[in-house]
Amino acid sequence: MIRTVFLNATSLIVLASSAASYATETTPPTQEQRVDNRQARQSARIDQGIASGEVTRREQHRLQHQQNHIQRLENRVKADGTVTRKEAFRVEKAQDQASSSIARQKHDRQDRP
């Protein structure tokens, strides 16, 4: 059985706009978005460590200082309007080191009383 579908102009516009919005929703995040998302996740990990008592005040200050350093680095990298691969690598490396520090501080035997 063959079904014939007639679409009017309004239906075509709705279909086209749906397809366009779907295409924009599935685009991969930019370098800036990835860095910002990762910064947010790392800050949440620090906050969770503070709330659970896994991170002491001294560790908290050190980890927050590290996050601030990464933010300043990101701002310097974006200052000229273009982010080179080398600059992106530096930011990612700093984030990798911060992530390791967070994990190490959360899982050491020092707890907040």
PDB file of N, CA and C in Angstrom:
ATOM      1  N   MET A   1       0.836  -1.159   0.000  1.00  0.00           N
ATOM      2  CA  MET A   1       0.000   0.000   0.000  1.00  0.00           C
ATOM      3  C   MET A   1       0.895   1.240   0.000  1.00  0.00           C
ATOM      4  N   ILE A   2       0.701   2.120  -0.908  1.00  0.00           N
ATOM      5  CA  ILE A   2       1.474   3.344  -1.037  1.00  0.00           C
ATOM      6  C   ILE A   2       0.651   4.483  -0.457  1.00  0.00           C
ATOM      7  N   ARG A   3       1.300   5.233   0.407  1.00  0.00           N
ATOM      8  CA  ARG A   3       0.637   6.348   1.058  1.00  0.00           C
ATOM      9  C   ARG A   3       1.183   7.645   0.465  1.00  0.00           C
ATOM     10  N   THR A   4       0.309   8.487   0.021  1.00  0.00           N
ATOM     11  CA  THR A   4       0.706   9.772  -0.541  1.00  0.00           C
ATOM     12  C   THR A   4       0.548  10.839   0.527  1.00  0.00           C
ATOM     13  N   VAL A   5       1.606  11.616   0.719  1.00  0.00           N
ATOM     14  CA  VAL A   5       1.578  12.671   1.722  1.00  0.00           C
ATOM     15  C   VAL A   5       1.688  14.007   1.021  1.00  0.00           C
ATOM     16  N   PHE A   6       0.747  14.870   1.327  1.00  0.00           N
ATOM     17  CA  PHE A   6       0.788  16.209   0.773  1.00  0.00           C
ATOM     18  C   PHE A   6       1.200  17.168   1.885  1.00  0.00           C
ATOM     19  N   LEU A   7       2.213  17.936   1.622  1.00  0.00           N
ATOM     20  CA  LEU A   7       2.685  18.916   2.595  1.00  0.00           C
ATOM     21  C   LEU A   7       2.418  20.310   2.073  1.00  0.00           C
ATOM     22  N   ASN A   8       1.861  21.130   2.911  1.00  0.00           N
ATOM     23  CA  ASN A   8       1.667  22.511   2.499  1.00  0.00           C
ATOM     24  C   ASN A   8       2.925  23.313   2.847  1.00  0.00           C
ATOM     25  N   ALA A   9       2.945  24.553   2.505  1.00  0.00           N
ATOM     26  CA  ALA A   9       4.130  25.387   2.712  1.00  0.00           C
ATOM     27  C   ALA A   9       4.472  25.518   4.193  1.00  0.00           C
ATOM     28  N   THR A  10       3.477  25.604   5.045  1.00  0.00           N
ATOM     29  CA  THR A  10       3.716  25.741   6.479  1.00  0.00           C
ATOM     30  C   THR A  10       4.401  24.499   7.026  1.00  0.00           C
ATOM     31  N   SER A  11       3.962  23.329   6.607  1.00  0.00           N
ATOM     32  CA  SER A  11       4.565  22.076   7.069  1.00  0.00           C
ATOM     33  C   SER A  11       6.020  21.978   6.640  1.00  0.00           C
ATOM     34  N   LEU A  12       6.310  22.429   5.428  1.00  0.00           N
ATOM     35  CA  LEU A  12       7.680  22.395   4.942  1.00  0.00           C
ATOM     36  C   LEU A  12       8.571  23.331   5.760  1.00  0.00           C
ATOM     37  N   ILE A  13       8.059  24.481   6.126  1.00  0.00           N
ATOM     38  CA  ILE A  13       8.846  25.430   6.920  1.00  0.00           C
ATOM     39  C   ILE A  13       9.122  24.845   8.299  1.00  0.00           C
ATOM     40  N   VAL A  14       8.118  24.228   8.904  1.00  0.00           N
ATOM     41  CA  VAL A  14       8.296  23.611  10.217  1.00  0.00           C
ATOM     42  C   VAL A  14       9.318  22.487  10.136  1.00  0.00           C
ATOM     43  N   LEU A  15       9.240  21.661   9.101  1.00  0.00           N
ATOM     44  CA  LEU A  15      10.209  20.581   8.918  1.00  0.00           C
ATOM     45  C   LEU A  15      11.619  21.126   8.727  1.00  0.00           C
ATOM     46  N   ALA A  16      11.749  22.159   7.931  1.00  0.00           N
ATOM     47  CA  ALA A  16      13.067  22.739   7.675  1.00  0.00           C
ATOM     48  C   ALA A  16      13.647  23.359   8.940  1.00  0.00           C
ATOM     49  N   SER A  17      12.828  24.057   9.706  1.00  0.00           N
ATOM     50  CA  SER A  17      13.347  24.673  10.921  1.00  0.00           C
ATOM     51  C   SER A  17      13.694  23.611  11.961  1.00  0.00           C
ATOM     52  N   SER A  18      12.939  22.516  11.997  1.00  0.00           N
ATOM     53  CA  SER A  18      13.260  21.418  12.915  1.00  0.00           C
ATOM     54  C   SER A  18      14.598  20.800  12.555  1.00  0.00           C
ATOM     55  N   ALA A  19      14.818  20.600  11.286  1.00  0.00           N
ATOM     56  CA  ALA A  19      16.082  20.020  10.839  1.00  0.00           C
ATOM     57  C   ALA A  19      17.244  20.956  11.141  1.00  0.00           C
ATOM     58  N   ALA A  20      17.026  22.245  10.951  1.00  0.00           N
ATOM     59  CA  ALA A  20      18.090  23.212  11.225  1.00  0.00           C
ATOM     60  C   ALA A  20      18.409  23.266  12.713  1.00  0.00           C
ATOM     61  N   SER A  21      17.387  23.240  13.552  1.00  0.00           N
ATOM     62  CA  SER A  21      17.658  23.286  14.984  1.00  0.00           C
ATOM     63  C   SER A  21      18.318  21.994  15.444  1.00  0.00           C
ATOM     64  N   TYR A  22      17.949  20.875  14.859  1.00  0.00           N
ATOM     65  CA  TYR A  22      18.599  19.604  15.207  1.00  0.00           C
ATOM     66  C   TYR A  22      20.072  19.653  14.823  1.00  0.00           C
ATOM     67  N   ALA A  23      20.378  20.235  13.678  1.00  0.00           N
ATOM     68  CA  ALA A  23      21.766  20.309  13.225  1.00  0.00           C
ATOM     69  C   ALA A  23      22.594  21.178  14.156  1.00  0.00           C
ATOM     70  N   THR A  24      22.023  22.256  14.646  1.00  0.00           N
ATOM     71  CA  THR A  24      22.794  23.121  15.535  1.00  0.00           C
ATOM     72  C   THR A  24      22.947  22.515  16.922  1.00  0.00           C
ATOM     73  N   GLU A  25      21.998  21.680  17.342  1.00  0.00           N
ATOM     74  CA  GLU A  25      22.085  21.046  18.656  1.00  0.00           C
ATOM     75  C   GLU A  25      23.162  19.974  18.703  1.00  0.00           C
ATOM     76  N   THR A  26      23.473  19.383  17.571  1.00  0.00           N
ATOM     77  CA  THR A  26      24.415  18.268  17.564  1.00  0.00           C
ATOM     78  C   THR A  26      25.826  18.678  17.162  1.00  0.00           C
ATOM     79  N   THR A  27      26.068  19.954  17.000  1.00  0.00           N
ATOM     80  CA  THR A  27      27.419  20.366  16.641  1.00  0.00           C
ATOM     81  C   THR A  27      28.344  20.169  17.841  1.00  0.00           C
ATOM     82  N   PRO A  28      29.564  19.756  17.589  1.00  0.00           N
ATOM     83  CA  PRO A  28      30.479  19.523  18.702  1.00  0.00           C
ATOM     84  C   PRO A  28      30.847  20.840  19.381  1.00  0.00           C
ATOM     85  N   PRO A  29      31.136  20.773  20.671  1.00  0.00           N
ATOM     86  CA  PRO A  29      31.483  22.015  21.382  1.00  0.00           C
ATOM     87  C   PRO A  29      32.819  22.567  20.911  1.00  0.00           C
ATOM     88  N   THR A  30      32.959  23.867  21.009  1.00  0.00           N
ATOM     89  CA  THR A  30      34.212  24.512  20.632  1.00  0.00           C
ATOM     90  C   THR A  30      35.239  24.297  21.735  1.00  0.00           C
ATOM     91  N   GLN A  31      36.467  24.641  21.456  1.00  0.00           N
ATOM     92  CA  GLN A  31      37.541  24.517  22.447  1.00  0.00           C
ATOM     93  C   GLN A  31      37.191  25.314  23.699  1.00  0.00           C
ATOM     94  N   GLU A  32      36.670  26.514  23.512  1.00  0.00           N
ATOM     95  CA  GLU A  32      36.315  27.362  24.652  1.00  0.00           C
ATOM     96  C   GLU A  32      35.229  26.711  25.499  1.00  0.00           C
ATOM     97  N   GLN A  33      34.220  26.125  24.844  1.00  0.00           N
ATOM     98  CA  GLN A  33      33.145  25.466  25.580  1.00  0.00           C
ATOM     99  C   GLN A  33      33.669  24.249  26.341  1.00  0.00           C
ATOM    100  N   ARG A  34      34.562  23.489  25.712  1.00  0.00           N
ATOM    101  CA  ARG A  34      35.121  22.310  26.387  1.00  0.00           C
ATOM    102  C   ARG A  34      35.909  22.716  27.622  1.00  0.00           C
ATOM    103  N   VAL A  35      36.711  23.776  27.487  1.00  0.00           N
ATOM    104  CA  VAL A  35      37.500  24.252  28.628  1.00  0.00           C
ATOM    105  C   VAL A  35      36.576  24.733  29.735  1.00  0.00           C
ATOM    106  N   ASP A  36      35.555  25.523  29.373  1.00  0.00           N
ATOM    107  CA  ASP A  36      34.625  26.045  30.375  1.00  0.00           C
ATOM    108  C   ASP A  36      33.854  24.922  31.061  1.00  0.00           C
ATOM    109  N   ASN A  37      33.403  23.941  30.285  1.00  0.00           N
ATOM    110  CA  ASN A  37      32.687  22.808  30.864  1.00  0.00           C
ATOM    111  C   ASN A  37      33.572  22.026  31.821  1.00  0.00           C
ATOM    112  N   ARG A  38      34.803  21.827  31.431  1.00  0.00           N
ATOM    113  CA  ARG A  38      35.724  21.077  32.291  1.00  0.00           C
ATOM    114  C   ARG A  38      36.026  21.858  33.562  1.00  0.00           C
ATOM    115  N   GLN A  39      36.199  23.179  33.443  1.00  0.00           N
ATOM    116  CA  GLN A  39      36.436  24.010  34.617  1.00  0.00           C
ATOM    117  C   GLN A  39      35.259  23.887  35.591  1.00  0.00           C
ATOM    118  N   ALA A  40      34.050  23.900  35.041  1.00  0.00           N
ATOM    119  CA  ALA A  40      32.856  23.786  35.886  1.00  0.00           C
ATOM    120  C   ALA A  40      32.814  22.426  36.583  1.00  0.00           C
ATOM    121  N   ARG A  41      33.132  21.368  35.843  1.00  0.00           N
ATOM    122  CA  ARG A  41      33.143  20.026  36.452  1.00  0.00           C
ATOM    123  C   ARG A  41      34.206  19.917  37.538  1.00  0.00           C
ATOM    124  N   GLN A  42      35.364  20.503  37.307  1.00  0.00           N
ATOM    125  CA  GLN A  42      36.427  20.431  38.307  1.00  0.00           C
ATOM    126  C   GLN A  42      36.061  21.246  39.554  1.00  0.00           C
ATOM    127  N   SER A  43      35.443  22.383  39.363  1.00  0.00           N
ATOM    128  CA  SER A  43      35.003  23.174  40.515  1.00  0.00           C
ATOM    129  C   SER A  43      33.947  22.411  41.307  1.00  0.00           C
ATOM    130  N   ALA A  44      33.061  21.716  40.601  1.00  0.00           N
ATOM    131  CA  ALA A  44      32.044  20.907  41.282  1.00  0.00           C
ATOM    132  C   ALA A  44      32.695  19.773  42.076  1.00  0.00           C
ATOM    133  N   ARG A  45      33.751  19.182  41.525  1.00  0.00           N
ATOM    134  CA  ARG A  45      34.464  18.120  42.248  1.00  0.00           C
ATOM    135  C   ARG A  45      35.107  18.656  43.515  1.00  0.00           C
ATOM    136  N   ILE A  46      35.671  19.862  43.436  1.00  0.00           N
ATOM    137  CA  ILE A  46      36.265  20.489  44.620  1.00  0.00           C
ATOM    138  C   ILE A  46      35.174  20.760  45.662  1.00  0.00           C
ATOM    139  N   ASP A  47      34.060  21.333  45.217  1.00  0.00           N
ATOM    140  CA  ASP A  47      32.954  21.626  46.129  1.00  0.00           C
ATOM    141  C   ASP A  47      32.427  20.354  46.787  1.00  0.00           C
ATOM    142  N   GLN A  48      32.341  19.276  46.027  1.00  0.00           N
ATOM    143  CA  GLN A  48      31.865  18.011  46.580  1.00  0.00           C
ATOM    144  C   GLN A  48      32.850  17.492  47.619  1.00  0.00           C
ATOM    145  N   GLY A  49      34.146  17.653  47.350  1.00  0.00           N
ATOM    146  CA  GLY A  49      35.169  17.235  48.308  1.00  0.00           C
ATOM    147  C   GLY A  49      35.111  18.039  49.591  1.00  0.00           C
ATOM    148  N   ILE A  50      34.802  19.312  49.480  1.00  0.00           N
ATOM    149  CA  ILE A  50      34.659  20.175  50.651  1.00  0.00           C
ATOM    150  C   ILE A  50      33.438  19.734  51.459  1.00  0.00           C
ATOM    151  N   ALA A  51      32.326  19.514  50.755  1.00  0.00           N
ATOM    152  CA  ALA A  51      31.085  19.139  51.429  1.00  0.00           C
ATOM    153  C   ALA A  51      31.217  17.800  52.161  1.00  0.00           C
ATOM    154  N   SER A  52      31.943  16.871  51.568  1.00  0.00           N
ATOM    155  CA  SER A  52      32.077  15.544  52.184  1.00  0.00           C
ATOM    156  C   SER A  52      33.196  15.497  53.224  1.00  0.00           C
ATOM    157  N   GLY A  53      34.014  16.543  53.276  1.00  0.00           N
ATOM    158  CA  GLY A  53      35.110  16.577  54.238  1.00  0.00           C
ATOM    159  C   GLY A  53      36.379  15.910  53.738  1.00  0.00           C
ATOM    160  N   GLU A  54      36.395  15.492  52.476  1.00  0.00           N
ATOM    161  CA  GLU A  54      37.582  14.853  51.903  1.00  0.00           C
ATOM    162  C   GLU A  54      38.699  15.848  51.631  1.00  0.00           C
ATOM    163  N   VAL A  55      38.349  17.124  51.512  1.00  0.00           N
ATOM    164  CA  VAL A  55      39.314  18.171  51.185  1.00  0.00           C
ATOM    165  C   VAL A  55      39.417  19.113  52.380  1.00  0.00           C
ATOM    166  N   THR A  56      40.632  19.320  52.862  1.00  0.00           N
ATOM    167  CA  THR A  56      40.847  20.241  53.980  1.00  0.00           C
ATOM    168  C   THR A  56      40.827  21.684  53.467  1.00  0.00           C
ATOM    169  N   ARG A  57      40.792  22.629  54.373  1.00  0.00           N
ATOM    170  CA  ARG A  57      40.790  24.052  53.979  1.00  0.00           C
ATOM    171  C   ARG A  57      42.056  24.420  53.209  1.00  0.00           C
ATOM    172  N   ARG A  58      43.174  23.910  53.681  1.00  0.00           N
ATOM    173  CA  ARG A  58      44.445  24.209  53.005  1.00  0.00           C
ATOM    174  C   ARG A  58      44.437  23.643  51.578  1.00  0.00           C
ATOM    175  N   GLU A  59      43.951  22.413  51.429  1.00  0.00           N
ATOM    176  CA  GLU A  59      43.856  21.801  50.098  1.00  0.00           C
ATOM    177  C   GLU A  59      42.873  22.577  49.233  1.00  0.00           C
ATOM    178  N   GLN A  60      41.782  23.013  49.828  1.00  0.00           N
ATOM    179  CA  GLN A  60      40.786  23.791  49.101  1.00  0.00           C
ATOM    180  C   GLN A  60      41.412  25.052  48.517  1.00  0.00           C
ATOM    181  N   HIS A  61      42.163  25.773  49.324  1.00  0.00           N
ATOM    182  CA  HIS A  61      42.792  27.010  48.841  1.00  0.00           C
ATOM    183  C   HIS A  61      43.784  26.718  47.716  1.00  0.00           C
ATOM    184  N   ARG A  62      44.531  25.661  47.860  1.00  0.00           N
ATOM    185  CA  ARG A  62      45.507  25.293  46.838  1.00  0.00           C
ATOM    186  C   ARG A  62      44.800  24.925  45.524  1.00  0.00           C
ATOM    187  N   LEU A  63      43.724  24.142  45.627  1.00  0.00           N
ATOM    188  CA  LEU A  63      42.990  23.724  44.425  1.00  0.00           C
ATOM    189  C   LEU A  63      42.289  24.916  43.771  1.00  0.00           C
ATOM    190  N   GLN A  64      41.719  25.804  44.578  1.00  0.00           N
ATOM    191  CA  GLN A  64      41.073  26.998  44.019  1.00  0.00           C
ATOM    192  C   GLN A  64      42.097  27.907  43.337  1.00  0.00           C
ATOM    193  N   HIS A  65      43.293  28.014  43.934  1.00  0.00           N
ATOM    194  CA  HIS A  65      44.363  28.801  43.325  1.00  0.00           C
ATOM    195  C   HIS A  65      44.730  28.214  41.959  1.00  0.00           C
ATOM    196  N   GLN A  66      44.769  26.894  41.889  1.00  0.00           N
ATOM    197  CA  GLN A  66      45.078  26.219  40.626  1.00  0.00           C
ATOM    198  C   GLN A  66      43.993  26.512  39.584  1.00  0.00           C
ATOM    199  N   GLN A  67      42.726  26.492  39.995  1.00  0.00           N
ATOM    200  CA  GLN A  67      41.628  26.789  39.073  1.00  0.00           C
ATOM    201  C   GLN A  67      41.708  28.244  38.592  1.00  0.00           C
ATOM    202  N   ASN A  68      42.050  29.145  39.499  1.00  0.00           N
ATOM    203  CA  ASN A  68      42.200  30.557  39.110  1.00  0.00           C
ATOM    204  C   ASN A  68      43.341  30.726  38.114  1.00  0.00           C
ATOM    205  N   HIS A  69      44.426  29.996  38.312  1.00  0.00           N
ATOM    206  CA  HIS A  69      45.558  30.040  37.381  1.00  0.00           C
ATOM    207  C   HIS A  69      45.114  29.601  35.983  1.00  0.00           C
ATOM    208  N   ILE A  70      44.333  28.535  35.920  1.00  0.00           N
ATOM    209  CA  ILE A  70      43.856  28.041  34.626  1.00  0.00           C
ATOM    210  C   ILE A  70      42.951  29.081  33.975  1.00  0.00           C
ATOM    211  N   GLN A  71      42.104  29.732  34.752  1.00  0.00           N
ATOM    212  CA  GLN A  71      41.225  30.765  34.207  1.00  0.00           C
ATOM    213  C   GLN A  71      42.033  31.934  33.649  1.00  0.00           C
ATOM    214  N   ARG A  72      43.063  32.361  34.365  1.00  0.00           N
ATOM    215  CA  ARG A  72      43.925  33.451  33.863  1.00  0.00           C
ATOM    216  C   ARG A  72      44.643  33.019  32.587  1.00  0.00           C
ATOM    217  N   LEU A  73      45.108  31.763  32.567  1.00  0.00           N
ATOM    218  CA  LEU A  73      45.774  31.237  31.376  1.00  0.00           C
ATOM    219  C   LEU A  73      44.814  31.242  30.187  1.00  0.00           C
ATOM    220  N   GLU A  74      43.596  30.805  30.425  1.00  0.00           N
ATOM    221  CA  GLU A  74      42.591  30.798  29.354  1.00  0.00           C
ATOM    222  C   GLU A  74      42.322  32.217  28.856  1.00  0.00           C
ATOM    223  N   ASN A  75      42.223  33.161  29.766  1.00  0.00           N
ATOM    224  CA  ASN A  75      41.991  34.556  29.366  1.00  0.00           C
ATOM    225  C   ASN A  75      43.143  35.103  28.523  1.00  0.00           C
ATOM    226  N   ARG A  76      44.375  34.776  28.901  1.00  0.00           N
ATOM    227  CA  ARG A  76      45.546  35.227  28.120  1.00  0.00           C
ATOM    228  C   ARG A  76      45.545  34.588  26.731  1.00  0.00           C
ATOM    229  N   VAL A  77      45.185  33.323  26.678  1.00  0.00           N
ATOM    230  CA  VAL A  77      45.186  32.606  25.399  1.00  0.00           C
ATOM    231  C   VAL A  77      44.149  33.205  24.449  1.00  0.00           C
ATOM    232  N   LYS A  78      42.987  33.580  24.983  1.00  0.00           N
ATOM    233  CA  LYS A  78      41.912  34.116  24.152  1.00  0.00           C
ATOM    234  C   LYS A  78      42.072  35.603  23.852  1.00  0.00           C
ATOM    235  N   ALA A  79      43.021  36.257  24.476  1.00  0.00           N
ATOM    236  CA  ALA A  79      43.153  37.710  24.371  1.00  0.00           C
ATOM    237  C   ALA A  79      43.350  38.202  22.939  1.00  0.00           C
ATOM    238  N   ASP A  80      44.106  37.463  22.134  1.00  0.00           N
ATOM    239  CA  ASP A  80      44.362  37.920  20.763  1.00  0.00           C
ATOM    240  C   ASP A  80      43.288  37.477  19.773  1.00  0.00           C
ATOM    241  N   GLY A  81      42.291  36.709  20.229  1.00  0.00           N
ATOM    242  CA  GLY A  81      41.187  36.323  19.351  1.00  0.00           C
ATOM    243  C   GLY A  81      41.335  34.964  18.704  1.00  0.00           C
ATOM    244  N   THR A  82      42.531  34.413  18.668  1.00  0.00           N
ATOM    245  CA  THR A  82      42.719  33.081  18.103  1.00  0.00           C
ATOM    246  C   THR A  82      43.453  32.205  19.111  1.00  0.00           C
ATOM    247  N   VAL A  83      43.049  30.951  19.136  1.00  0.00           N
ATOM    248  CA  VAL A  83      43.681  29.983  20.029  1.00  0.00           C
ATOM    249  C   VAL A  83      44.420  28.979  19.152  1.00  0.00           C
ATOM    250  N   THR A  84      45.728  28.976  19.264  1.00  0.00           N
ATOM    251  CA  THR A  84      46.520  28.032  18.479  1.00  0.00           C
ATOM    252  C   THR A  84      46.473  26.661  19.146  1.00  0.00           C
ATOM    253  N   ARG A  85      46.908  25.647  18.419  1.00  0.00           N
ATOM    254  CA  ARG A  85      46.952  24.301  18.981  1.00  0.00           C
ATOM    255  C   ARG A  85      47.869  24.233  20.190  1.00  0.00           C
ATOM    256  N   LYS A  86      48.982  24.928  20.107  1.00  0.00           N
ATOM    257  CA  LYS A  86      49.945  24.930  21.197  1.00  0.00           C
ATOM    258  C   LYS A  86      49.333  25.548  22.452  1.00  0.00           C
ATOM    259  N   GLU A  87      48.603  26.651  22.274  1.00  0.00           N
ATOM    260  CA  GLU A  87      47.948  27.294  23.412  1.00  0.00           C
ATOM    261  C   GLU A  87      46.865  26.400  24.001  1.00  0.00           C
ATOM    262  N   ALA A  88      46.080  25.778  23.130  1.00  0.00           N
ATOM    263  CA  ALA A  88      45.028  24.872  23.599  1.00  0.00           C
ATOM    264  C   ALA A  88      45.639  23.708  24.369  1.00  0.00           C
ATOM    265  N   PHE A  89      46.768  23.209  23.888  1.00  0.00           N
ATOM    266  CA  PHE A  89      47.455  22.115  24.567  1.00  0.00           C
ATOM    267  C   PHE A  89      47.911  22.539  25.964  1.00  0.00           C
ATOM    268  N   ARG A  90      48.419  23.768  26.082  1.00  0.00           N
ATOM    269  CA  ARG A  90      48.867  24.279  27.395  1.00  0.00           C
ATOM    270  C   ARG A  90      47.712  24.333  28.384  1.00  0.00           C
ATOM    271  N   VAL A  91      46.548  24.813  27.911  1.00  0.00           N
ATOM    272  CA  VAL A  91      45.380  24.898  28.792  1.00  0.00           C
ATOM    273  C   VAL A  91      44.929  23.497  29.194  1.00  0.00           C
ATOM    274  N   GLU A  92      44.881  22.585  28.231  1.00  0.00           N
ATOM    275  CA  GLU A  92      44.475  21.211  28.541  1.00  0.00           C
ATOM    276  C   GLU A  92      45.436  20.540  29.509  1.00  0.00           C
ATOM    277  N   LYS A  93      46.725  20.788  29.324  1.00  0.00           N
ATOM    278  CA  LYS A  93      47.720  20.201  30.221  1.00  0.00           C
ATOM    279  C   LYS A  93      47.539  20.734  31.637  1.00  0.00           C
ATOM    280  N   ALA A  94      47.277  22.026  31.762  1.00  0.00           N
ATOM    281  CA  ALA A  94      47.042  22.611  33.084  1.00  0.00           C
ATOM    282  C   ALA A  94      45.793  22.011  33.714  1.00  0.00           C
ATOM    283  N   GLN A  95      44.763  21.784  32.894  1.00  0.00           N
ATOM    284  CA  GLN A  95      43.547  21.167  33.418  1.00  0.00           C
ATOM    285  C   GLN A  95      43.792  19.713  33.823  1.00  0.00           C
ATOM    286  N   ASP A  96      44.605  19.002  33.057  1.00  0.00           N
ATOM    287  CA  ASP A  96      44.945  17.622  33.415  1.00  0.00           C
ATOM    288  C   ASP A  96      45.653  17.575  34.767  1.00  0.00           C
ATOM    289  N   GLN A  97      46.590  18.491  34.955  1.00  0.00           N
ATOM    290  CA  GLN A  97      47.320  18.541  36.229  1.00  0.00           C
ATOM    291  C   GLN A  97      46.380  18.885  37.378  1.00  0.00           C
ATOM    292  N   ALA A  98      45.469  19.812  37.144  1.00  0.00           N
ATOM    293  CA  ALA A  98      44.505  20.187  38.177  1.00  0.00           C
ATOM    294  C   ALA A  98      43.593  19.014  38.512  1.00  0.00           C
ATOM    295  N   SER A  99      43.172  18.288  37.500  1.00  0.00           N
ATOM    296  CA  SER A  99      42.314  17.126  37.722  1.00  0.00           C
ATOM    297  C   SER A  99      43.021  16.076  38.572  1.00  0.00           C
ATOM    298  N   SER A 100      44.286  15.845  38.285  1.00  0.00           N
ATOM    299  CA  SER A 100      45.072  14.895  39.082  1.00  0.00           C
ATOM    300  C   SER A 100      45.209  15.389  40.520  1.00  0.00           C
ATOM    301  N   SER A 101      45.430  16.676  40.682  1.00  0.00           N
ATOM    302  CA  SER A 101      45.557  17.240  42.031  1.00  0.00           C
ATOM    303  C   SER A 101      44.260  17.073  42.819  1.00  0.00           C
ATOM    304  N   ILE A 102      43.139  17.321  42.155  1.00  0.00           N
ATOM    305  CA  ILE A 102      41.845  17.172  42.822  1.00  0.00           C
ATOM    306  C   ILE A 102      41.654  15.730  43.274  1.00  0.00           C
ATOM    307  N   ALA A 103      41.923  14.796  42.383  1.00  0.00           N
ATOM    308  CA  ALA A 103      41.762  13.381  42.739  1.00  0.00           C
ATOM    309  C   ALA A 103      42.694  13.001  43.881  1.00  0.00           C
ATOM    310  N   ARG A 104      43.911  13.455  43.808  1.00  0.00           N
ATOM    311  CA  ARG A 104      44.896  13.120  44.842  1.00  0.00           C
ATOM    312  C   ARG A 104      44.480  13.693  46.198  1.00  0.00           C
ATOM    313  N   GLN A 105      44.013  14.929  46.208  1.00  0.00           N
ATOM    314  CA  GLN A 105      43.624  15.561  47.468  1.00  0.00           C
ATOM    315  C   GLN A 105      42.347  14.950  48.043  1.00  0.00           C
ATOM    316  N   LYS A 106      41.441  14.549  47.168  1.00  0.00           N
ATOM    317  CA  LYS A 106      40.196  13.954  47.652  1.00  0.00           C
ATOM    318  C   LYS A 106      40.428  12.567  48.244  1.00  0.00           C
ATOM    319  N   HIS A 107      41.442  11.873  47.759  1.00  0.00           N
ATOM    320  CA  HIS A 107      41.631  10.487  48.169  1.00  0.00           C
ATOM    321  C   HIS A 107      42.832  10.276  49.065  1.00  0.00           C
ATOM    322  N   ASP A 108      43.432  11.372  49.544  1.00  0.00           N
ATOM    323  CA  ASP A 108      44.496  11.188  50.520  1.00  0.00           C
ATOM    324  C   ASP A 108      43.845  10.946  51.894  1.00  0.00           C
ATOM    325  N   ARG A 109      44.645  10.704  52.867  1.00  0.00           N
ATOM    326  CA  ARG A 109      44.085  10.346  54.174  1.00  0.00           C
ATOM    327  C   ARG A 109      43.785  11.565  55.057  1.00  0.00           C
ATOM    328  N   GLN A 110      43.916  12.748  54.473  1.00  0.00           N
ATOM    329  CA  GLN A 110      43.609  13.954  55.239  1.00  0.00           C
ATOM    330  C   GLN A 110      42.125  14.302  55.046  1.00  0.00           C
ATOM    331  N   ASP A 111      41.442  14.433  56.162  1.00  0.00           N
ATOM    332  CA  ASP A 111      40.029  14.802  56.117  1.00  0.00           C
ATOM    333  C   ASP A 111      39.799  16.043  56.946  1.00  0.00           C
ATOM    334  N   ARG A 112      38.781  16.782  56.602  1.00  0.00           N
ATOM    335  CA  ARG A 112      38.414  17.957  57.387  1.00  0.00           C
ATOM    336  C   ARG A 112      37.673  17.454  58.625  1.00  0.00           C
ATOM    337  N   PRO A 113      38.040  17.957  59.797  1.00  0.00           N
ATOM    338  CA  PRO A 113      37.358  17.491  61.022  1.00  0.00           C
ATOM    339  C   PRO A 113      35.894  17.893  61.068  1.00  0.00           C
TER     340      PRO A 113
END
